[in-house]
Protein backbone atom coordinates (compact mmCIF):
# COMPACT_ATOMS: atom_id res chain seq x y z
CA MET A 1 -13.67 -0.28 11.77
CA ALA A 2 -10.74 2.17 11.68
CA ALA A 3 -8.59 -0.15 13.82
CA ASP A 4 -7.63 -2.31 10.85
CA ILE A 5 -4.57 -1.85 8.64
CA LEU A 6 -4.94 -2.40 4.91
CA VAL A 7 -1.84 -3.98 3.32
CA LEU A 8 -1.41 -3.96 -0.44
CA ALA A 9 1.21 -4.45 -3.10
CA GLY A 10 1.32 -2.34 -6.22
CA SER A 11 1.92 -5.45 -8.29
CA ALA A 12 -0.45 -8.18 -9.42
CA ARG A 13 2.27 -10.51 -10.74
CA ARG A 14 1.95 -13.95 -9.18
CA ASP A 15 5.63 -14.18 -8.16
CA SER A 16 6.12 -10.50 -7.34
CA VAL A 17 8.68 -9.80 -4.63
CA ASN A 18 6.49 -6.86 -3.59
CA ARG A 19 3.54 -9.19 -3.01
CA ARG A 20 5.84 -11.43 -0.95
CA LEU A 21 6.92 -8.45 1.16
CA ALA A 22 3.28 -7.36 1.60
CA ASN A 23 2.35 -10.88 2.72
CA PHE A 24 5.20 -10.95 5.23
CA ALA A 25 4.30 -7.47 6.53
CA ALA A 26 0.66 -8.53 7.04
CA THR A 27 1.79 -11.64 8.91
CA MET A 28 4.17 -9.59 11.04
CA LEU A 29 1.39 -7.10 11.87
CA ARG A 30 -0.89 -9.93 12.99
CA THR A 31 1.81 -11.41 15.24
CA ARG A 32 2.01 -7.97 16.86
CA GLY A 33 -1.72 -8.03 17.63
CA ALA A 34 -2.80 -5.71 14.82
CA GLN A 35 -5.70 -6.45 12.50
CA ALA A 36 -4.26 -6.64 8.98
CA THR A 37 -6.26 -7.11 5.79
CA LEU A 38 -4.21 -8.18 2.79
CA LEU A 39 -5.62 -6.69 -0.41
CA GLU A 40 -4.90 -8.30 -3.77
CA LEU A 41 -5.35 -5.69 -6.51
CA ALA A 42 -5.73 -8.47 -9.11
CA ASP A 43 -9.07 -9.29 -7.46
CA HIS A 44 -10.34 -5.78 -8.32
CA PRO A 45 -9.62 -5.07 -12.00
CA LEU A 46 -10.19 -1.46 -13.00
CA PRO A 47 -10.20 0.31 -16.33
CA LEU A 48 -7.63 3.04 -16.84
CA TYR A 49 -9.03 6.16 -15.16
CA HIS A 50 -10.79 8.37 -17.69
CA GLY A 51 -13.02 11.29 -16.71
CA ASP A 52 -15.42 10.73 -19.61
CA LEU A 53 -15.87 7.10 -18.59
CA GLU A 54 -16.59 8.18 -15.02
CA ALA A 55 -19.07 10.82 -16.20
CA ARG A 56 -20.84 8.34 -18.46
CA GLU A 57 -20.88 5.24 -16.21
CA GLY A 58 -20.00 6.42 -12.72
CA LEU A 59 -17.58 4.62 -10.45
CA PRO A 60 -16.92 1.01 -11.53
CA ASP A 61 -18.12 -1.62 -9.05
CA ASP A 62 -14.55 -2.67 -8.21
CA ALA A 63 -13.61 0.96 -7.56
CA ARG A 64 -16.54 1.25 -5.12
CA ARG A 65 -15.45 -1.95 -3.34
CA LEU A 66 -11.87 -0.70 -3.10
CA LYS A 67 -13.02 2.70 -1.88
CA ASP A 68 -15.08 1.00 0.86
CA LEU A 69 -12.03 -1.05 1.89
CA PHE A 70 -9.82 2.03 2.10
CA ILE A 71 -12.45 3.92 4.10
CA ALA A 72 -12.92 1.01 6.52
CA HIS A 73 -9.23 0.85 7.43
CA GLY A 74 -7.41 3.29 9.67
CA ALA A 75 -3.94 2.89 8.14
CA LEU A 76 -2.21 1.60 5.03
CA VAL A 77 0.90 -0.38 4.25
CA ILE A 78 1.77 0.01 0.58
CA VAL A 79 4.53 -2.07 -0.99
CA THR A 80 5.36 -0.85 -4.46
CA PRO A 81 7.57 -1.97 -7.30
CA GLU A 82 9.60 0.65 -9.12
CA TYR A 83 8.86 1.15 -12.80
CA ASN A 84 11.12 3.63 -14.60
CA ALA A 85 12.07 5.28 -11.29
CA SER A 86 8.42 5.78 -10.29
CA LEU A 87 5.34 3.91 -9.11
CA PRO A 88 3.55 1.44 -11.40
CA ALA A 89 0.41 2.30 -13.33
CA LEU A 90 -1.61 -0.35 -11.46
CA LEU A 91 -1.02 1.35 -8.11
CA LYS A 92 -1.50 4.90 -9.39
CA ASN A 93 -4.69 3.94 -11.24
CA THR A 94 -6.05 2.28 -8.09
CA ILE A 95 -5.34 5.39 -6.01
CA ASP A 96 -6.90 7.62 -8.69
CA TRP A 97 -10.14 5.59 -8.78
CA VAL A 98 -10.36 5.28 -4.97
CA SER A 99 -9.96 9.06 -4.63
CA ARG A 100 -12.92 9.81 -6.89
CA PRO A 101 -15.65 11.40 -4.75
CA LEU A 102 -19.18 10.15 -4.64
CA PRO A 103 -21.92 12.79 -4.42
CA GLY A 104 -21.69 14.70 -1.15
CA GLU A 105 -18.25 13.42 -0.15
CA SER A 106 -14.64 14.46 -0.53
CA GLY A 107 -12.17 12.52 -2.62
CA TYR A 108 -9.87 12.70 0.39
CA LEU A 109 -12.24 10.57 2.50
CA PRO A 110 -10.45 7.22 1.97
CA PHE A 111 -7.06 8.76 2.84
CA ALA A 112 -7.19 11.96 4.91
CA GLY A 113 -5.75 11.83 8.40
CA LYS A 114 -4.70 8.17 8.12
CA ALA A 115 -1.18 6.85 8.58
CA ALA A 116 0.74 5.11 5.82
CA ALA A 117 3.92 3.04 5.83
CA LEU A 118 5.73 2.73 2.51
CA MET A 119 7.91 -0.13 1.29
CA SER A 120 9.43 -1.33 -1.94
CA ALA A 121 11.25 -4.43 -3.10
CA SER A 122 13.38 -5.09 -6.14
CA PRO A 123 15.97 -7.56 -7.34
CA GLY A 124 18.17 -4.51 -7.98
CA ALA A 125 20.58 -2.80 -5.60
CA LEU A 126 18.31 0.17 -4.79
CA GLY A 127 15.38 -1.96 -3.68
CA GLY A 128 12.84 0.17 -5.54
CA MET A 129 13.47 3.22 -3.39
CA ARG A 130 12.97 5.78 -6.19
CA ALA A 131 9.28 4.85 -6.45
CA LEU A 132 8.75 5.65 -2.78
CA ARG A 133 9.40 9.37 -3.25
CA HIS A 134 6.67 9.63 -5.88
CA LEU A 135 4.24 7.53 -3.85
CA ARG A 136 4.92 9.72 -0.80
CA ASP A 137 4.07 12.83 -2.85
CA VAL A 138 0.78 11.32 -4.07
CA LEU A 139 -0.33 10.20 -0.59
CA THR A 140 0.69 13.47 1.04
CA GLU A 141 -1.42 15.33 -1.53
CA LEU A 142 -4.33 13.09 -0.46
CA GLN A 143 -3.76 14.30 3.14
CA MET A 144 -2.29 11.07 4.50
CA ILE A 145 0.27 11.07 7.28
CA VAL A 146 3.14 9.19 5.65
CA LEU A 147 5.68 7.88 8.13
CA PRO A 148 9.13 9.39 7.64
CA ARG A 149 10.82 6.00 7.88
CA GLN A 150 10.35 3.64 4.92
CA LEU A 151 11.79 0.32 3.79
CA SER A 152 13.53 -0.61 0.54
CA LEU A 153 14.44 -4.26 0.07
CA PRO A 154 17.30 -4.80 -2.41
CA ALA A 155 18.13 -8.22 -3.89
CA ALA A 156 14.55 -9.14 -3.06
CA ASP A 157 14.59 -12.14 -5.36
CA GLN A 158 16.95 -13.77 -2.82
CA ALA A 159 15.51 -12.17 0.35
CA PHE A 160 12.80 -14.66 1.33
CA ASP A 161 13.03 -18.17 2.74
CA ASP A 162 10.70 -20.99 1.71
CA ALA A 163 8.19 -19.99 4.40
CA GLY A 164 7.97 -16.42 3.04
CA ALA A 165 9.95 -14.76 5.85
CA LEU A 166 12.89 -12.45 5.33
CA ARG A 167 16.21 -14.25 5.59
CA ASP A 168 18.14 -11.22 6.87
CA ALA A 169 17.52 -10.61 10.58
CA ALA A 170 18.55 -6.94 10.37
CA MET A 171 16.11 -6.28 7.52
CA SER A 172 13.38 -8.12 9.41
CA ALA A 173 14.09 -5.92 12.44
CA ARG A 174 13.87 -2.79 10.26
CA LEU A 175 10.51 -3.96 8.96
CA ALA A 176 9.30 -4.69 12.49
CA GLY A 177 10.34 -1.19 13.59
CA LEU A 178 8.47 0.42 10.71
CA LEU A 179 5.33 -1.60 11.45
CA ASP A 180 5.58 -0.75 15.17
CA ASP A 181 5.78 2.94 14.19
CA LEU A 182 2.68 2.54 12.03
CA VAL A 183 0.67 0.81 14.76
CA ALA A 184 1.71 3.49 17.28
CA MET A 185 0.78 6.31 14.89
CA GLN A 186 -2.55 4.71 14.09
CA ARG A 187 -3.35 4.46 17.81
CA ARG A 188 -2.48 8.13 18.31
CA LEU A 189 -4.73 9.13 15.41
CA ALA A 190 -7.67 6.95 16.48
């Protein structure tokens, strides 16, 4: 159960470079012997979080399914785009719904004590790195152990070959190192 790593991109766009990086990270984890589940947020549409909606209707079915997925996995890889120097609404809304407690449980349950590796990708020169600081703050508040090393992929629109792998060997090695750190941390926490 907690041996799996949940990999997700904070973008639902079909041609998103962040989804491409999440796909490659999941593949790389599997080649390293880890169990990686790739989550597509587009498969779990959620309304914008609103306390009155939650009070009136409870947790939406897709929020419950996502919460169960987060709980069932021992670590997270989150690949986020950068929107206006922060994380996108899709990702923040997902985290907000998943953190909503059911009766008798803590909202920290899907996150607390689990390791997280953070990545971003952008066609721009900064690779989406400004979003990572805000995402780190959110996950730390939810009691996750966020790895100190992170990955920003600049010029991401040119970074992948036709098979979906990173063209740059040094960047691929950086990604491999981050994923190795995550697997090692997850094993220590298990």
